[in-house]
């Protein structure tokens, strides 16, 4: 994806962020491979509160149940709990996955047309699902749908990056993140990506 216009805007709108952009370099937001919306959401549930390596192992074992592929909502609903538990999926996450699959199957979470919903409406729709909160919905918007103006104000990484970059006395609250990030609109997704990377390059 071409982020030239976004970067030009962010450098002009916020000198602090501009310095981060120059330090980090090329923006790679939106370069990851695509997966189905259902697969993306099931993956986000599996990865909650686990290390990347542990979650990847469990996800791989779960996919092995379906011949090495991500299941559809209908396939997941037809899978016994015991098979999912044997793959390493906790009982709580099984309940989350089943709630997601049920809502997708019944249409209350309409993944076939969800990409056409405005950001906040989409967040409201996805967060009907047990185990999916605002942060997960924002990650879906940013990394699955590549929406350009997502600012995950609840994210600790974003808060910590702002805390450090702007020399604040304490970690900013979500409302502070939204206030500081107001000049980044309508390119908050790129700004967020650079803030995350600033922690990696510190």
Protein backbone atom coordinates (compact mmCIF):
# COMPACT_ATOMS: atom_id res chain seq x y z
CA UNK A 1 0.00 0.00 0.00
CA UNK A 2 1.16 3.53 -0.75
CA UNK A 3 1.31 5.69 2.37
CA UNK A 4 3.01 8.72 0.83
CA UNK A 5 0.10 11.11 1.38
CA UNK A 6 -0.45 9.89 4.94
CA UNK A 7 3.21 10.32 5.85
CA UNK A 8 3.32 13.78 4.31
CA UNK A 9 0.27 14.79 6.35
CA UNK A 10 1.60 13.33 9.60
CA UNK A 11 5.00 15.00 9.26
CA UNK A 12 3.34 18.34 8.63
CA UNK A 13 0.71 17.95 11.38
CA UNK A 14 2.94 16.65 14.20
CA UNK A 15 6.71 17.29 14.42
CA UNK A 16 7.13 14.67 17.18
CA UNK A 17 5.54 11.98 15.07
CA UNK A 18 7.49 13.27 12.09
CA UNK A 19 10.74 12.53 13.93
CA UNK A 20 9.53 8.99 14.66
CA UNK A 21 8.66 8.48 11.00
CA UNK A 22 12.13 9.56 9.91
CA UNK A 23 13.72 7.25 12.48
CA UNK A 24 11.63 4.17 11.66
CA UNK A 25 11.64 4.48 7.89
CA UNK A 26 9.33 2.79 5.39
CA UNK A 27 5.79 2.05 6.52
CA UNK A 28 4.86 -1.61 6.06
CA UNK A 29 1.27 -1.35 7.25
CA UNK A 30 -1.04 -3.31 4.99
CA UNK A 31 1.62 -5.59 3.53
CA UNK A 32 0.51 -8.73 5.40
CA UNK A 33 -1.33 -11.44 3.49
CA UNK A 34 -5.10 -11.56 3.49
CA UNK A 35 -7.22 -14.22 5.19
CA UNK A 36 -10.98 -14.64 5.43
CA UNK A 37 -12.78 -12.43 7.94
CA UNK A 38 -13.91 -15.47 9.94
CA UNK A 39 -10.37 -16.84 10.01
CA UNK A 40 -9.02 -13.46 11.13
CA UNK A 41 -11.49 -13.30 14.04
CA UNK A 42 -10.94 -16.90 15.14
CA UNK A 43 -7.20 -16.23 15.06
CA UNK A 44 -7.61 -13.14 17.24
CA UNK A 45 -9.53 -15.19 19.82
CA UNK A 46 -6.91 -17.96 19.89
CA UNK A 47 -4.08 -15.42 20.29
CA UNK A 48 -5.62 -13.64 23.29
CA UNK A 49 -3.38 -13.71 26.40
CA UNK A 50 -0.90 -16.15 24.84
CA UNK A 51 2.61 -15.78 23.48
CA UNK A 52 2.78 -15.72 19.70
CA UNK A 53 4.54 -19.10 19.58
CA UNK A 54 2.04 -20.87 21.86
CA UNK A 55 -0.94 -19.38 20.02
CA UNK A 56 0.48 -20.33 16.61
CA UNK A 57 0.91 -23.93 17.78
CA UNK A 58 -2.68 -24.15 19.02
CA UNK A 59 -4.03 -22.52 15.86
CA UNK A 60 -2.06 -24.98 13.70
CA UNK A 61 -3.43 -27.94 15.68
CA UNK A 62 -6.94 -26.59 15.38
CA UNK A 63 -6.59 -26.16 11.63
CA UNK A 64 -5.30 -29.75 11.41
CA UNK A 65 -8.79 -30.88 12.45
CA UNK A 66 -10.02 -29.40 9.16
CA UNK A 67 -7.30 -30.73 6.89
CA UNK A 68 -4.87 -27.92 7.56
CA UNK A 69 -7.32 -25.14 6.78
CA UNK A 70 -9.26 -22.66 8.84
CA UNK A 71 -12.81 -23.86 9.51
CA UNK A 72 -15.97 -22.22 8.33
CA UNK A 73 -18.53 -21.18 10.94
CA UNK A 74 -20.61 -24.26 10.14
CA UNK A 75 -17.63 -26.62 10.44
CA UNK A 76 -16.66 -25.11 13.78
CA UNK A 77 -20.18 -25.49 15.14
CA UNK A 78 -20.15 -29.17 14.12
CA UNK A 79 -16.83 -29.86 15.91
CA UNK A 80 -17.05 -31.54 19.34
CA UNK A 81 -15.54 -29.62 22.27
CA UNK A 82 -13.25 -32.58 22.96
CA UNK A 83 -11.56 -32.21 19.56
CA UNK A 84 -10.90 -28.51 20.13
CA UNK A 85 -9.65 -29.14 23.66
CA UNK A 86 -7.28 -31.80 22.34
CA UNK A 87 -5.84 -29.13 20.03
CA UNK A 88 -5.15 -26.97 23.08
CA UNK A 89 -8.10 -24.57 22.91
CA UNK A 90 -9.31 -23.64 26.38
CA UNK A 91 -12.94 -24.10 27.38
CA UNK A 92 -13.40 -20.34 27.63
CA UNK A 93 -12.05 -19.78 24.12
CA UNK A 94 -14.19 -22.61 22.78
CA UNK A 95 -17.22 -20.73 24.12
CA UNK A 96 -15.97 -17.56 22.38
CA UNK A 97 -15.40 -19.41 19.09
CA UNK A 98 -18.84 -21.00 19.24
CA UNK A 99 -20.49 -17.66 19.96
CA UNK A 100 -18.70 -16.14 16.97
CA UNK A 101 -19.61 -19.06 14.72
CA UNK A 102 -23.26 -18.99 15.85
CA UNK A 103 -23.60 -15.26 15.23
CA UNK A 104 -21.96 -15.55 11.81
CA UNK A 105 -24.15 -18.52 10.89
CA UNK A 106 -27.34 -16.80 12.06
CA UNK A 107 -26.38 -13.47 10.46
CA UNK A 108 -26.17 -11.13 13.47
CA UNK A 109 -22.47 -10.71 12.61
CA UNK A 110 -22.74 -10.52 8.80
CA UNK A 111 -19.16 -11.09 7.66
CA UNK A 112 -20.17 -11.16 4.00
CA UNK A 113 -21.01 -7.44 4.11
CA UNK A 114 -19.23 -6.27 7.22
CA UNK A 115 -16.52 -4.50 5.24
CA UNK A 116 -19.13 -1.97 4.09
CA UNK A 117 -19.97 -0.83 7.63
CA UNK A 118 -18.55 2.44 9.05
CA UNK A 119 -15.83 1.94 11.67
CA UNK A 120 -17.88 2.50 14.82
CA UNK A 121 -20.84 0.50 13.51
CA UNK A 122 -18.51 -2.36 12.69
CA UNK A 123 -17.00 -2.21 16.19
CA UNK A 124 -20.49 -2.35 17.71
CA UNK A 125 -21.36 -5.34 15.53
CA UNK A 126 -18.21 -7.38 16.21
CA UNK A 127 -18.18 -6.71 19.94
CA UNK A 128 -21.49 -8.54 20.27
CA UNK A 129 -19.33 -11.66 20.24
CA UNK A 130 -18.13 -13.00 23.58
CA UNK A 131 -14.40 -12.46 23.96
CA UNK A 132 -14.14 -9.74 21.31
CA UNK A 133 -13.76 -6.25 22.70
CA UNK A 134 -13.10 -2.83 21.24
CA UNK A 135 -9.34 -3.41 20.91
CA UNK A 136 -9.80 -6.63 18.91
CA UNK A 137 -12.36 -4.94 16.69
CA UNK A 138 -9.93 -2.08 16.04
CA UNK A 139 -7.17 -4.54 15.11
CA UNK A 140 -9.61 -6.15 12.67
CA UNK A 141 -10.34 -2.76 11.15
CA UNK A 142 -6.68 -1.90 10.82
CA UNK A 143 -5.03 -5.15 9.75
CA UNK A 144 -7.85 -7.08 8.08
CA UNK A 145 -9.82 -4.31 6.39
CA UNK A 146 -6.93 -1.81 6.13
CA UNK A 147 -9.07 1.08 7.35
CA UNK A 148 -6.93 4.26 7.29
CA UNK A 149 -8.08 6.13 10.38
CA UNK A 150 -7.98 3.73 13.34
CA UNK A 151 -6.48 4.93 16.63
CA UNK A 152 -6.55 2.13 19.25
CA UNK A 153 -6.73 4.33 22.32
CA UNK A 154 -6.87 1.37 24.72
CA UNK A 155 -3.63 -0.19 23.42
CA UNK A 156 -0.81 -0.14 25.99
CA UNK A 157 1.82 -0.05 23.27
CA UNK A 158 0.31 3.10 21.78
CA UNK A 159 0.02 4.65 25.24
CA UNK A 160 3.62 3.81 26.12
CA UNK A 161 4.94 5.11 22.80
CA UNK A 162 3.12 8.41 23.27
CA UNK A 163 4.28 8.61 26.89
CA UNK A 164 7.90 8.30 25.81
CA UNK A 165 7.83 10.29 22.55
CA UNK A 166 5.99 13.29 23.98
CA UNK A 167 7.84 13.36 27.30
CA UNK A 168 4.70 13.01 29.39
CA UNK A 169 4.88 12.71 33.17
CA UNK A 170 2.69 9.61 33.19
CA UNK A 171 1.15 7.16 30.76
CA UNK A 172 -1.67 8.86 28.84
CA UNK A 173 -5.25 7.77 29.41
CA UNK A 174 -7.37 6.71 26.43
CA UNK A 175 -8.93 10.17 26.21
CA UNK A 176 -5.42 11.67 26.16
CA UNK A 177 -4.47 9.40 23.27
CA UNK A 178 -7.49 10.60 21.30
CA UNK A 179 -6.68 14.24 22.08
CA UNK A 180 -3.01 13.95 21.13
CA UNK A 181 -3.91 11.97 18.04
CA UNK A 182 -6.50 14.39 16.73
CA UNK A 183 -4.04 16.08 14.30
CA UNK A 184 -3.27 12.67 12.77
CA UNK A 185 -6.76 12.29 11.32
CA UNK A 186 -7.60 10.91 8.79
CA UNK A 187 -4.40 8.84 8.84
CA UNK A 188 -4.37 7.53 12.41
CA UNK A 189 -3.67 3.94 11.32
CA UNK A 190 -0.30 4.88 9.85
CA UNK A 191 0.46 7.00 12.92
CA UNK A 192 -0.36 4.04 15.17
CA UNK A 193 1.89 1.73 13.16
CA UNK A 194 4.80 4.14 13.55
CA UNK A 195 4.19 4.47 17.28
CA UNK A 196 4.35 0.69 17.70
CA UNK A 197 7.54 0.49 15.66
CA UNK A 198 9.11 3.29 17.71
CA UNK A 199 9.06 0.94 20.69
CA UNK A 200 10.83 -1.76 18.65
CA UNK A 201 13.59 0.61 17.54
CA UNK A 202 14.13 2.32 20.90
